[in-house]
Amino acid sequence: MSAAEAVQLVQPGDRVWVGSACGTPRALLAALNQARLPGVKLVHFLADGVTVDGEVRYPQEVFFVGSELRGIAGPVDYLPVSLPELPALIARGQHRIDVALIQVSPPDENGLCSLGVSVDVTHAAALAARTVLAEINPAMPRTGPTTVLPVSRIAAFVEVDPVVREYVHEPAGETAERIAPYVARLVPDGATLQLGLGRIPDDMQRHLSGRRGLRVHSDVITDGVVDLLDSGAVRPGPGAVVASMAVGTARLFDRLDASRVVLEPLEDVCRLGRLAAIERLVSVTQAFAVDLTGQVCTDTDDGQRYGGVASQSLMHWMAAHSRGGRAVVCLASTFPDGSSRIRPALLADEAATIGRADVHYVVTEYGTAYLFGRSLRERAVALIELAHPSVRAALLNAAAEAGLVPEGQSLRSRGAYPGDEERTVTLTDGATVLVRPARTGDAPALQDLFYRMPPADVFTRFFRHLTTLPLSTAEHLTSVSFEDEVTFLAVVGDWGSEQVVGTVSYYLDPTSGQADVAFMVDPDWKGRGLGSALRDVVVDAARRRGVVALTADVLVENRAMLAVFRASGLPLTARSSHGVTEVVLTL
């Protein structure tokens, strides 16, 4: 029958589920909007076409505020609930569904229609509804045995054009393109990806072409999955990609019939026992605001309801507890008007959809912070370094006023974390270490290195008989601008359990163009080539910054350090006087 005829089966007072995203039944929805039936309420997760010329014609209950409803004045109630819980709420009647408007494939020889690209909660709604009205779309792919409904469940069929509505992400933009590589660095080989909606998670996937053995187990997949499949990053075999909805273009939809991509109802994708069995689960959540204690808001953007809880809080928690997993929150550092998304505290209308105790990694275009298990002071310092440079001083003052950091806390970083200067080096005994730029929050780990150093090594580094290294002094070594001041750390272990086993720092004299350099190496790591590796890293960094020479004062008896300089292969002058050798390494 026609869409107009079909919606006459909707009764006054009915609660009407609207199918999601690229499976939204727009012809039925348009007919229902035209009918203006009394007492009807629309219920949906992520549908469009739910307004007419910006007007809300029916009251609505929504579990995700899409762009169409953002800022709309009208009877729209947002329900902040973890979406995998919704099928159970529907089944026991707490969220009654009287009518389901859906879009499906034509029935097969067994009389089964597939929900195609949008299974999500629509499957549960269609099973619970008194009346199911379905658009039959010949182009809708059949996406798996658990996505089907029997013809007997469907009260009316409406034929529509053989085109699956596409969703094209807006261009990622410069900020998202800068964030995506930082997120991608957190994805190891063999990881299983959970990717929320958003430009950053979508763009991040193109940076994973060099990974191998990946799987995708996600509430939603986008066109970025096609890049992972084509690059060979996703492992071969059936079930390599599991999701409950596909939001993208024909490029993605054409791959859903392949044996490697399976769609399932959301409650099956998010079943706790199933998620708990996944190792190296990496969840990426795009947020709108984070406060200095680590609280994350995902459903209010710049004062307007937008987005929602969806599956992200559950997936984030499961990734955090997965063996080798990583729970990642990413966001731009500023709103479009230039104000900071990293706030001293969330605003009154910005709910903490992910609590601070559950936050692990936070990424902006200025780098990555690891917060789990960290103190309020450490969190505030780390997050301020992720904020836009123009607001860091104000955030630091606000943090001091709130008692999150002590008065006099300093932060000298003025730009993005130079992640492209990270490198993994192999030492002479085959051991590998990560040599990376220092962050202010590395100061406690640097203190630990100091207290492992024998007194003689402390003297050769500081030319003083120090017995303590206060936090403020350690921060002076780790909180650097990476312009006139540079510090690299050699670390072993993963985020949260890193151990600093060596450091190299230099401080530039802008008048001469020369920089004074100093090293520290853990006594257990001496004689393994770590000093030479740090030398090579700092030489490269100094050259890129236009430094003409590295200088150092080395005790005459410190033969190992002198040997490191002499083995550089660079022009070197060394003059000894009063037990000290003045070294100049020309770059």
Protein backbone atom coordinates (compact mmCIF):
# COMPACT_ATOMS: atom_id res chain seq x y z
CA MET A 1 0.00 0.00 0.00
CA SER A 2 1.02 3.65 -0.13
CA ALA A 3 2.77 5.30 2.78
CA ALA A 4 -0.29 7.47 3.40
CA GLU A 5 -2.47 4.37 3.61
CA ALA A 6 0.01 2.56 5.85
CA VAL A 7 0.18 5.25 8.52
CA GLN A 8 -3.60 5.03 8.94
CA LEU A 9 -2.79 1.92 10.98
CA VAL A 10 -1.24 4.22 13.61
CA GLN A 11 -3.77 4.90 16.35
CA PRO A 12 -4.17 8.05 18.47
CA GLY A 13 -1.86 7.92 21.48
CA ASP A 14 0.54 5.41 19.90
CA ARG A 15 4.24 5.48 20.65
CA VAL A 16 5.95 5.11 17.27
CA TRP A 17 9.52 3.85 16.88
CA VAL A 18 11.35 5.36 13.90
CA GLY A 19 14.13 3.30 12.30
CA SER A 20 17.64 4.66 12.54
CA ALA A 21 20.20 6.54 10.45
CA CYS A 22 20.58 5.33 6.87
CA GLY A 23 17.66 2.95 7.44
CA THR A 24 15.24 5.71 8.45
CA PRO A 25 11.91 5.05 6.63
CA ARG A 26 11.54 8.55 5.28
CA ALA A 27 8.45 7.94 3.13
CA LEU A 28 6.50 6.54 6.09
CA LEU A 29 7.79 9.27 8.36
CA ALA A 30 6.81 12.00 5.90
CA ALA A 31 3.33 10.50 5.59
CA LEU A 32 2.97 10.34 9.36
CA ASN A 33 4.06 13.96 9.71
CA GLN A 34 1.49 14.90 7.09
CA ALA A 35 -1.28 12.97 8.87
CA ARG A 36 -0.92 14.90 12.17
CA LEU A 37 -2.53 12.15 14.25
CA PRO A 38 -3.54 13.09 17.80
CA GLY A 39 -1.53 11.94 20.79
CA VAL A 40 1.18 10.22 18.78
CA LYS A 41 4.74 10.31 20.14
CA LEU A 42 7.86 9.51 18.09
CA VAL A 43 10.61 7.46 19.73
CA HIS A 44 14.00 7.07 18.08
CA PHE A 45 17.73 6.74 18.44
CA LEU A 46 19.26 8.43 15.41
CA ALA A 47 16.67 9.35 12.78
CA ASP A 48 16.31 12.26 10.39
CA GLY A 49 13.21 13.65 8.77
CA VAL A 50 11.57 13.90 12.19
CA THR A 51 10.82 17.60 11.69
CA VAL A 52 9.07 19.48 8.90
CA ASP A 53 10.63 22.83 7.96
CA GLY A 54 12.20 22.95 11.41
CA GLU A 55 8.87 22.24 13.12
CA VAL A 56 8.35 19.34 15.52
CA ARG A 57 4.88 18.02 14.67
CA TYR A 58 4.84 15.23 17.25
CA PRO A 59 6.30 15.06 20.75
CA GLN A 60 9.48 13.02 20.67
CA GLU A 61 11.55 10.85 22.98
CA VAL A 62 15.10 10.58 21.72
CA PHE A 63 18.10 8.61 22.92
CA PHE A 64 20.52 10.60 20.78
CA VAL A 65 20.11 14.22 19.71
CA GLY A 66 21.09 14.44 16.06
CA SER A 67 21.88 17.58 14.13
CA GLU A 68 18.27 17.93 12.95
CA LEU A 69 17.00 18.36 16.52
CA ARG A 70 19.92 20.38 17.84
CA GLY A 71 18.61 23.67 19.19
CA ILE A 72 15.02 22.86 18.20
CA ALA A 73 12.41 24.44 20.44
CA GLY A 74 9.59 21.99 20.96
CA PRO A 75 8.44 18.90 22.84
CA VAL A 76 11.64 16.85 22.54
CA ASP A 77 12.70 14.81 25.56
CA TYR A 78 16.26 13.46 25.65
CA LEU A 79 16.72 10.21 27.58
CA PRO A 80 20.33 9.69 28.76
CA VAL A 81 20.46 5.90 28.82
CA SER A 82 23.10 3.44 27.70
CA LEU A 83 21.56 2.22 24.47
CA PRO A 84 22.33 -1.51 24.93
CA GLU A 85 20.00 -1.37 27.96
CA LEU A 86 17.09 -0.14 25.82
CA PRO A 87 15.95 -3.47 24.29
CA ALA A 88 15.36 -4.86 27.79
CA LEU A 89 13.46 -1.72 28.78
CA ILE A 90 11.31 -2.12 25.65
CA ALA A 91 10.74 -5.83 26.27
CA ARG A 92 9.46 -5.31 29.81
CA GLY A 93 7.26 -2.38 28.83
CA GLN A 94 9.06 0.48 30.54
CA HIS A 95 9.48 2.03 27.09
CA ARG A 96 6.36 0.88 25.29
CA ILE A 97 6.50 0.68 21.50
CA ASP A 98 3.12 0.42 19.76
CA VAL A 99 4.19 0.94 16.15
CA ALA A 100 7.56 0.50 14.45
CA LEU A 101 8.36 2.30 11.20
CA ILE A 102 11.26 0.48 9.56
CA GLN A 103 13.01 -0.09 6.26
CA VAL A 104 13.93 -3.61 5.15
CA SER A 105 15.16 -5.68 2.24
CA PRO A 106 12.68 -7.67 0.13
CA PRO A 107 11.85 -11.03 1.72
CA ASP A 108 13.91 -14.06 0.75
CA GLU A 109 12.55 -17.46 -0.23
CA ASN A 110 11.89 -18.17 3.46
CA GLY A 111 9.84 -15.02 3.93
CA LEU A 112 12.54 -13.22 5.93
CA CYS A 113 13.34 -9.52 5.47
CA SER A 114 16.66 -8.05 6.67
CA LEU A 115 16.94 -4.74 8.51
CA GLY A 116 20.06 -4.14 6.46
CA VAL A 117 22.21 -1.18 7.44
CA SER A 118 20.35 -0.26 10.66
CA VAL A 119 19.72 -3.15 13.02
CA ASP A 120 20.67 -1.38 16.29
CA VAL A 121 17.65 -1.12 18.64
CA THR A 122 15.22 -1.20 15.71
CA HIS A 123 15.29 -5.00 15.81
CA ALA A 124 14.03 -5.05 19.40
CA ALA A 125 11.43 -2.34 18.67
CA ALA A 126 10.08 -4.26 15.66
CA LEU A 127 9.73 -7.45 17.72
CA ALA A 128 7.92 -5.63 20.53
CA ALA A 129 5.59 -3.40 18.49
CA ARG A 130 1.90 -4.16 18.01
CA THR A 131 2.12 -2.97 14.42
CA VAL A 132 5.14 -2.94 12.09
CA LEU A 133 5.06 -0.78 8.95
CA ALA A 134 7.94 -1.46 6.58
CA GLU A 135 9.38 0.21 3.54
CA ILE A 136 10.67 -2.42 1.10
CA ASN A 137 13.94 -1.22 -0.43
CA PRO A 138 15.36 -3.50 -3.16
CA ALA A 139 18.81 -1.96 -2.60
CA MET A 140 18.92 -2.75 1.11
CA PRO A 141 21.68 -5.33 1.71
CA ARG A 142 21.04 -8.47 3.71
CA THR A 143 23.42 -8.19 6.61
CA GLY A 144 23.27 -11.37 8.66
CA PRO A 145 21.03 -14.07 10.09
CA THR A 146 20.18 -12.11 13.26
CA THR A 147 19.00 -9.02 11.38
CA VAL A 148 15.86 -10.61 9.93
CA LEU A 149 12.14 -10.27 10.57
CA PRO A 150 9.52 -12.67 9.21
CA VAL A 151 6.94 -11.27 6.82
CA SER A 152 4.29 -12.27 9.35
CA ARG A 153 5.59 -9.54 11.70
CA ILE A 154 4.91 -6.81 9.15
CA ALA A 155 1.39 -5.35 8.85
CA ALA A 156 1.97 -3.19 5.77
CA PHE A 157 4.58 -2.92 3.03
CA VAL A 158 5.44 0.28 1.17
CA GLU A 159 7.66 0.03 -1.88
CA VAL A 160 10.37 2.71 -2.18
CA ASP A 161 13.07 3.54 -4.70
CA PRO A 162 16.06 1.14 -4.70
CA VAL A 163 18.47 3.54 -3.03
CA VAL A 164 19.88 3.33 0.50
CA ARG A 165 20.13 6.82 1.90
CA GLU A 166 23.77 7.83 2.35
CA TYR A 167 25.39 9.81 5.11
CA VAL A 168 28.56 11.70 4.24
CA HIS A 169 30.70 12.94 7.11
CA GLU A 170 31.60 16.58 6.90
CA PRO A 171 35.29 17.00 6.04
CA ALA A 172 37.39 16.21 9.08
CA GLY A 173 38.93 19.68 9.15
CA GLU A 174 42.38 20.70 10.26
CA THR A 175 41.81 20.09 13.96
CA ALA A 176 40.40 16.58 13.53
CA GLU A 177 43.21 15.74 11.13
CA ARG A 178 45.71 16.73 13.82
CA ILE A 179 43.95 14.68 16.50
CA ALA A 180 43.51 11.51 14.46
CA PRO A 181 47.22 10.51 14.32
CA TYR A 182 47.54 10.82 18.11
CA VAL A 183 44.56 8.48 18.52
CA ALA A 184 45.93 6.06 15.92
CA ARG A 185 49.20 5.75 17.88
CA LEU A 186 47.20 4.15 20.69
CA VAL A 187 45.99 1.28 18.48
CA PRO A 188 48.37 -1.73 18.54
CA ASP A 189 48.51 -4.58 16.07
CA GLY A 190 45.87 -7.17 16.86
CA ALA A 191 43.51 -4.66 18.47
CA THR A 192 39.73 -4.82 18.25
CA LEU A 193 38.24 -1.41 17.50
CA GLN A 194 35.06 0.13 18.88
CA LEU A 195 34.49 3.41 17.06
CA GLY A 196 31.82 5.89 18.01
CA LEU A 197 30.23 8.34 15.62
CA GLY A 198 32.26 11.44 14.86
CA ARG A 199 34.71 12.90 12.41
CA ILE A 200 37.75 12.04 14.51
CA PRO A 201 37.07 8.28 14.86
CA ASP A 202 36.17 8.15 11.16
CA ASP A 203 39.32 10.00 10.07
CA MET A 204 41.54 8.06 12.47
CA GLN A 205 40.97 4.82 10.57
CA ARG A 206 42.97 5.99 7.55
CA HIS A 207 46.04 6.22 9.80
CA LEU A 208 45.84 2.49 10.58
CA SER A 209 46.72 1.13 7.14
CA GLY A 210 50.04 -0.15 8.45
CA ARG A 211 48.50 -2.16 11.31
CA ARG A 212 47.86 -5.87 10.99
CA GLY A 213 45.47 -8.31 12.60
CA LEU A 214 42.83 -5.74 13.53
CA ARG A 215 39.20 -6.57 14.19
CA VAL A 216 36.22 -4.23 14.49
CA HIS A 217 33.54 -4.84 17.12
CA SER A 218 31.51 -1.66 17.24
CA ASP A 219 28.02 -0.30 17.68
CA VAL A 220 28.50 1.61 14.42
CA ILE A 221 30.81 1.44 11.43
CA THR A 222 31.49 4.16 8.87
CA ASP A 223 33.26 4.41 5.51
CA GLY A 224 36.60 4.30 7.30
CA VAL A 225 36.15 0.54 7.77
CA VAL A 226 36.43 0.10 4.00
CA ASP A 227 39.91 1.62 4.13
CA LEU A 228 40.88 -0.83 6.87
CA LEU A 229 39.58 -3.76 4.81
CA ASP A 230 41.29 -2.64 1.61
CA SER A 231 44.65 -1.94 3.28
CA GLY A 232 44.89 -5.40 4.81
CA ALA A 233 44.82 -3.98 8.33
CA VAL A 234 41.78 -6.08 9.23
CA ARG A 235 42.49 -9.76 9.66
CA PRO A 236 41.02 -12.16 7.07
CA GLY A 237 38.16 -14.48 7.86
CA PRO A 238 34.46 -14.29 8.73
CA GLY A 239 33.29 -11.96 11.46
CA ALA A 240 36.32 -9.69 11.23
CA VAL A 241 33.91 -6.74 11.40
CA VAL A 242 30.88 -6.90 13.72
CA ALA A 243 28.53 -3.95 14.22
CA SER A 244 24.87 -3.08 14.68
CA MET A 245 24.57 -0.27 12.13
CA ALA A 246 26.41 1.10 9.12
CA VAL A 247 26.38 4.87 8.67
CA GLY A 248 28.04 5.92 5.44
CA THR A 249 27.81 5.69 1.68
CA ALA A 250 27.36 3.05 -1.00
CA ARG A 251 31.10 2.41 -0.72
CA LEU A 252 30.40 0.96 2.73
CA PHE A 253 27.03 -0.62 1.97
CA ASP A 254 28.48 -2.58 -0.94
CA ARG A 255 30.81 -4.37 1.49
CA LEU A 256 28.09 -5.49 3.91
CA ASP A 257 27.27 -8.63 1.95
CA ALA A 258 30.85 -9.81 2.33
CA SER A 259 31.51 -12.65 4.76
CA ARG A 260 33.91 -10.48 6.76
CA VAL A 261 31.25 -7.91 7.78
CA VAL A 262 28.28 -8.94 9.94
CA LEU A 263 25.59 -6.75 11.50
CA GLU A 264 23.69 -7.83 14.61
CA PRO A 265 21.19 -6.36 17.09
CA LEU A 266 22.85 -3.91 19.44
CA GLU A 267 22.17 -5.96 22.56
CA ASP A 268 24.05 -8.87 20.98
CA VAL A 269 27.00 -6.71 19.92
CA CYS A 270 27.21 -5.26 23.43
CA ARG A 271 26.58 -8.41 25.44
CA LEU A 272 28.81 -8.14 28.50
CA GLY A 273 30.18 -11.67 28.41
CA ARG A 274 31.08 -11.28 24.75
CA LEU A 275 32.84 -7.97 25.28
CA ALA A 276 34.68 -9.29 28.33
CA ALA A 277 36.28 -12.01 26.20
CA ILE A 278 37.83 -9.50 23.78
CA GLU A 279 41.50 -8.69 24.36
CA ARG A 280 43.09 -5.41 23.25
CA LEU A 281 39.69 -3.72 22.86
CA VAL A 282 40.28 -0.08 21.90
CA SER A 283 37.27 2.22 22.30
CA VAL A 284 37.33 5.72 20.81
CA THR A 285 34.77 8.22 22.11
CA GLN A 286 34.42 11.74 20.72
CA ALA A 287 33.51 14.17 23.52
CA PHE A 288 32.37 17.78 23.70
CA ALA A 289 33.94 18.92 26.98
CA VAL A 290 36.29 17.69 29.71
CA ASP A 291 36.97 19.31 33.04
CA LEU A 292 40.31 19.50 34.81
CA THR A 293 39.51 16.53 37.03
CA GLY A 294 38.78 14.34 34.00
CA GLN A 295 34.97 14.33 33.85
CA VAL A 296 33.75 13.88 30.27
CA CYS A 297 30.56 15.22 28.66
CA THR A 298 29.33 13.59 25.44
CA ASP A 299 25.75 14.84 25.17
CA THR A 300 25.92 18.64 25.40
CA ASP A 301 27.82 20.74 22.89
CA ASP A 302 28.32 24.45 23.52
CA GLY A 303 25.22 24.71 25.68
CA GLN A 304 22.92 22.67 23.42
CA ARG A 305 21.79 19.08 23.78
CA TYR A 306 23.63 17.13 21.10
CA GLY A 307 24.80 13.55 20.79
CA GLY A 308 24.06 11.12 23.58
CA VAL A 309 25.26 8.33 25.80
CA ALA A 310 24.62 5.69 23.09
CA SER A 311 26.93 2.68 23.69
CA GLN A 312 30.00 4.73 24.47
CA SER A 313 30.03 4.62 28.26
CA LEU A 314 29.69 0.81 28.22
CA MET A 315 32.26 0.29 25.47
CA HIS A 316 34.65 2.72 27.16
CA TRP A 317 34.40 0.81 30.44
CA MET A 318 34.85 -2.57 28.77
CA ALA A 319 37.88 -1.35 26.81
CA ALA A 320 39.40 -0.01 30.01
CA HIS A 321 39.10 -3.48 31.56
CA SER A 322 40.09 -5.45 28.48
CA ARG A 323 43.48 -7.14 28.68
CA GLY A 324 45.75 -4.83 26.67
CA GLY A 325 42.78 -2.58 25.90
CA ARG A 326 42.64 1.20 25.73
CA ALA A 327 39.74 3.54 26.45
CA VAL A 328 40.25 6.77 24.52
CA VAL A 329 38.37 10.07 24.71
CA CYS A 330 39.12 12.60 21.98
CA LEU A 331 37.97 16.16 21.41
CA ALA A 332 39.02 19.44 19.86
CA SER A 333 40.59 21.79 22.38
CA THR A 334 38.24 24.68 21.55
CA PHE A 335 34.69 25.43 20.49
CA PRO A 336 34.19 27.23 17.16
CA ASP A 337 34.16 30.58 18.99
CA GLY A 338 37.62 29.89 20.44
CA SER A 339 36.52 29.15 24.01
CA SER A 340 38.05 26.11 25.67
CA ARG A 341 36.44 22.67 25.71
CA ILE A 342 38.78 21.86 28.60
CA ARG A 343 37.16 23.61 31.53
CA PRO A 344 38.00 24.15 35.21
CA ALA A 345 34.68 22.38 35.87
CA LEU A 346 31.85 21.13 33.68
CA LEU A 347 29.00 23.61 33.39
CA ALA A 348 25.67 23.02 35.09
CA ASP A 349 24.12 21.65 31.89
CA GLU A 350 27.14 19.48 30.98
CA ALA A 351 26.58 16.08 32.55
CA ALA A 352 29.52 13.78 33.28
CA THR A 353 28.58 10.95 30.93
CA ILE A 354 31.93 9.29 31.68
CA GLY A 355 33.04 9.72 35.27
CA ARG A 356 36.55 10.87 36.04
CA ALA A 357 37.46 7.61 37.79
CA ASP A 358 36.89 5.75 34.50
CA VAL A 359 38.83 8.04 32.17
CA HIS A 360 42.12 6.72 30.82
CA TYR A 361 43.38 8.50 27.67
CA VAL A 362 42.34 12.00 26.59
CA VAL A 363 43.50 13.30 23.21
CA THR A 364 43.30 16.75 21.63
CA GLU A 365 45.22 18.28 18.74
CA TYR A 366 47.91 19.14 21.31
CA GLY A 367 48.70 15.60 22.37
CA THR A 368 47.67 12.77 24.67
CA ALA A 369 47.22 12.59 28.44
CA TYR A 370 46.89 9.46 30.54
CA LEU A 371 44.73 10.09 33.62
CA PHE A 372 43.84 6.73 35.10
CA GLY A 373 45.11 6.31 38.63
CA ARG A 374 46.49 9.85 38.65
CA SER A 375 45.92 12.50 41.33
CA LEU A 376 43.78 15.59 40.78
CA ARG A 377 46.95 17.67 40.51
CA GLU A 378 48.49 15.35 37.92
CA ARG A 379 45.23 15.29 35.93
CA ALA A 380 44.92 19.06 35.89
CA VAL A 381 48.53 19.55 34.76
CA ALA A 382 48.21 16.94 32.02
CA LEU A 383 44.90 18.32 30.71
CA ILE A 384 46.08 21.94 30.70
CA GLU A 385 48.91 20.86 28.41
CA LEU A 386 46.23 19.55 26.02
CA ALA A 387 44.37 22.87 25.98
CA HIS A 388 44.85 25.63 23.45
CA PRO A 389 47.98 27.65 24.34
CA SER A 390 45.93 30.85 24.60
CA VAL A 391 43.93 29.52 27.57
CA ARG A 392 46.57 27.53 29.45
CA ALA A 393 47.53 30.37 31.80
CA ALA A 394 43.88 31.02 32.70
CA LEU A 395 43.25 27.32 33.28
CA LEU A 396 46.35 27.09 35.45
CA ASN A 397 45.13 30.03 37.57
CA ALA A 398 41.67 28.48 37.85
CA ALA A 399 43.19 25.15 38.86
CA ALA A 400 45.22 26.88 41.58
CA GLU A 401 42.15 28.74 42.86
CA ALA A 402 40.24 25.45 43.01
CA GLY A 403 43.07 23.80 44.92
CA LEU A 404 43.80 21.31 42.15
CA VAL A 405 47.43 22.46 41.77
CA PRO A 406 49.67 24.33 44.21
CA GLU A 407 50.29 28.02 43.90
CA GLY A 408 53.36 28.58 41.75
CA GLN A 409 52.74 25.54 39.56
CA SER A 410 54.45 26.21 36.23
CA LEU A 411 53.79 25.00 32.70
CA ARG A 412 56.15 26.11 29.99
CA SER A 413 54.82 24.12 27.04
CA ARG A 414 53.38 26.47 24.44
CA GLY A 415 52.41 24.20 21.57
CA ALA A 416 51.39 20.71 20.61
CA TYR A 417 53.18 17.70 21.98
CA PRO A 418 55.80 16.85 19.31
CA GLY A 419 54.63 13.29 18.82
CA ASP A 420 56.45 12.97 15.50
CA GLU A 421 59.71 13.06 17.47
CA GLU A 422 58.92 9.82 19.29
CA ARG A 423 61.01 6.87 18.22
CA THR A 424 61.66 3.33 19.34
CA VAL A 425 65.36 2.47 19.48
CA THR A 426 67.09 -0.88 19.76
CA LEU A 427 70.08 -1.01 22.08
CA THR A 428 73.25 -3.05 21.70
CA ASP A 429 71.85 -5.95 23.73
CA GLY A 430 68.65 -6.10 21.65
CA ALA A 431 66.44 -4.35 24.21
CA THR A 432 64.07 -1.66 22.91
CA VAL A 433 63.12 1.61 24.56
CA LEU A 434 60.83 4.44 23.53
CA VAL A 435 62.56 7.79 23.37
CA ARG A 436 59.95 10.54 23.49
CA PRO A 437 59.55 14.22 24.34
CA ALA A 438 58.92 14.93 28.01
CA ARG A 439 55.68 16.23 29.49
CA THR A 440 55.25 18.17 32.71
CA GLY A 441 53.45 15.18 34.20
CA ASP A 442 56.60 13.06 33.78
CA ALA A 443 58.22 14.81 36.74
CA PRO A 444 57.42 12.08 39.32
CA ALA A 445 58.92 9.41 37.04
CA LEU A 446 62.02 11.57 36.65
CA GLN A 447 62.25 11.82 40.44
CA ASP A 448 62.17 8.01 40.59
CA LEU A 449 65.12 7.88 38.19
CA PHE A 450 67.01 10.41 40.32
CA TYR A 451 66.63 8.30 43.45
CA ARG A 452 67.93 5.21 41.61
CA MET A 453 71.13 7.08 40.66
CA PRO A 454 74.25 6.52 42.78
CA PRO A 455 75.64 9.72 44.39
CA ALA A 456 78.60 9.80 41.98
CA ASP A 457 76.27 9.82 38.96
CA VAL A 458 74.12 12.54 40.52
CA PHE A 459 77.24 14.68 40.93
CA THR A 460 78.35 14.15 37.33
CA ARG A 461 74.88 15.26 36.13
CA PHE A 462 74.28 18.24 38.43
CA PHE A 463 77.81 19.10 39.58
CA ARG A 464 76.39 19.18 43.09
CA HIS A 465 76.04 16.60 45.84
CA LEU A 466 72.25 16.51 45.76
CA THR A 467 70.35 14.12 48.00
CA THR A 468 66.84 15.15 46.91
CA LEU A 469 65.11 16.30 43.75
CA PRO A 470 62.02 18.37 44.63
CA LEU A 471 58.99 18.11 42.36
CA SER A 472 59.47 21.73 41.28
CA THR A 473 63.02 20.94 40.12
CA ALA A 474 61.90 17.81 38.30
CA GLU A 475 59.17 19.81 36.59
CA HIS A 476 61.77 22.35 35.51
CA LEU A 477 63.41 19.51 33.57
CA THR A 478 60.18 18.04 32.11
CA SER A 479 58.08 21.18 31.58
CA VAL A 480 59.87 22.62 28.57
CA SER A 481 58.85 24.67 25.54
CA PHE A 482 60.54 22.43 22.95
CA GLU A 483 61.81 25.61 21.39
CA ASP A 484 64.74 26.92 23.47
CA GLU A 485 64.41 24.03 25.96
CA VAL A 486 64.20 20.36 25.03
CA THR A 487 63.97 17.19 27.12
CA PHE A 488 63.67 13.64 25.85
CA LEU A 489 63.00 10.63 28.03
CA ALA A 490 63.88 7.00 27.40
CA VAL A 491 61.01 4.95 28.81
CA VAL A 492 60.03 1.31 29.14
CA GLY A 493 56.60 -0.05 30.00
CA ASP A 494 53.13 1.00 28.90
CA TRP A 495 51.16 4.14 29.71
CA GLY A 496 50.49 4.33 33.43
CA SER A 497 53.42 2.09 34.31
CA GLU A 498 56.24 3.75 32.38
CA GLN A 499 59.69 3.81 33.92
CA VAL A 500 62.15 6.47 32.88
CA VAL A 501 65.55 4.87 32.30
CA GLY A 502 67.35 7.82 30.74
CA THR A 503 67.01 11.50 29.88
CA VAL A 504 68.71 14.10 27.76
CA SER A 505 68.04 17.84 27.93
CA TYR A 506 69.41 20.94 26.33
CA TYR A 507 69.00 24.65 26.97
CA LEU A 508 69.72 27.08 24.14
CA ASP A 509 71.77 30.24 24.43
CA PRO A 510 70.00 32.35 21.76
CA THR A 511 72.96 34.69 21.51
CA SER A 512 75.50 32.06 20.49
CA GLY A 513 73.12 29.52 18.97
CA GLN A 514 74.74 26.86 21.13
CA ALA A 515 72.84 24.63 23.54
CA ASP A 516 74.10 23.14 26.79
CA VAL A 517 73.26 19.42 26.95
CA ALA A 518 73.06 16.99 29.88
CA PHE A 519 72.29 13.28 30.24
CA MET A 520 71.09 10.89 32.95
CA VAL A 521 71.09 7.11 32.51
CA ASP A 522 69.71 4.55 34.94
CA PRO A 523 72.65 2.56 36.37
CA ASP A 524 70.97 -0.71 35.31
CA TRP A 525 70.90 0.54 31.71
CA LYS A 526 74.49 1.64 31.40
CA GLY A 527 76.78 -0.10 28.92
CA ARG A 528 73.84 -0.95 26.63
CA GLY A 529 74.12 1.92 24.15
CA LEU A 530 71.37 4.07 25.70
CA GLY A 531 73.60 7.13 26.03
CA SER A 532 74.49 6.94 22.32
CA ALA A 533 70.81 6.56 21.38
CA LEU A 534 69.89 9.64 23.43
CA ARG A 535 72.78 11.54 21.84
CA ASP A 536 71.53 10.77 18.34
CA VAL A 537 67.98 11.85 19.24
CA VAL A 538 69.06 15.16 20.73
CA VAL A 539 71.42 15.88 17.83
CA ASP A 540 68.56 15.41 15.36
CA ALA A 541 66.23 17.60 17.43
CA ALA A 542 68.86 20.34 17.78
CA ARG A 543 69.58 20.39 14.06
CA ARG A 544 65.88 20.75 13.25
CA ARG A 545 65.72 23.73 15.56
CA GLY A 546 68.77 25.45 14.08
CA VAL A 547 71.17 24.84 16.98
CA VAL A 548 74.75 25.26 15.77
CA ALA A 549 76.51 23.25 18.51
CA LEU A 550 75.90 21.23 21.65
CA THR A 551 78.11 22.01 24.62
CA ALA A 552 78.71 20.17 27.88
CA ASP A 553 80.92 20.25 30.93
CA VAL A 554 82.03 16.67 31.65
CA LEU A 555 84.10 15.53 34.62
CA VAL A 556 87.43 14.21 33.39
CA GLU A 557 86.82 10.89 35.14
CA ASN A 558 83.49 10.46 33.38
CA ARG A 559 85.10 8.56 30.51
CA ALA A 560 81.88 6.87 29.42
CA MET A 561 80.19 10.22 28.72
CA LEU A 562 83.22 11.55 26.90
CA ALA A 563 83.23 8.39 24.77
CA VAL A 564 79.58 8.99 23.85
CA PHE A 565 80.45 12.45 22.52
CA ARG A 566 83.56 11.28 20.68
CA ALA A 567 81.67 8.44 18.98
CA SER A 568 79.16 10.83 17.41
CA GLY A 569 81.20 11.28 14.24
CA LEU A 570 80.67 15.05 14.44
CA PRO A 571 83.41 17.70 14.76
CA LEU A 572 84.34 17.87 18.42
CA THR A 573 86.62 20.03 20.53
CA ALA A 574 87.47 19.14 24.12
CA ARG A 575 89.46 21.26 26.56
CA SER A 576 90.21 20.10 30.09
CA SER A 577 90.83 22.36 33.05
CA HIS A 578 90.53 21.82 36.81
CA GLY A 579 89.08 18.33 36.39
CA VAL A 580 86.40 19.35 33.89
CA THR A 581 86.39 18.81 30.14
CA GLU A 582 84.53 21.43 28.12
CA VAL A 583 83.04 19.67 25.09
CA VAL A 584 81.73 21.41 21.96
CA LEU A 585 79.99 19.21 19.41
CA THR A 586 79.50 21.14 16.17
CA LEU A 587 76.31 20.36 14.28
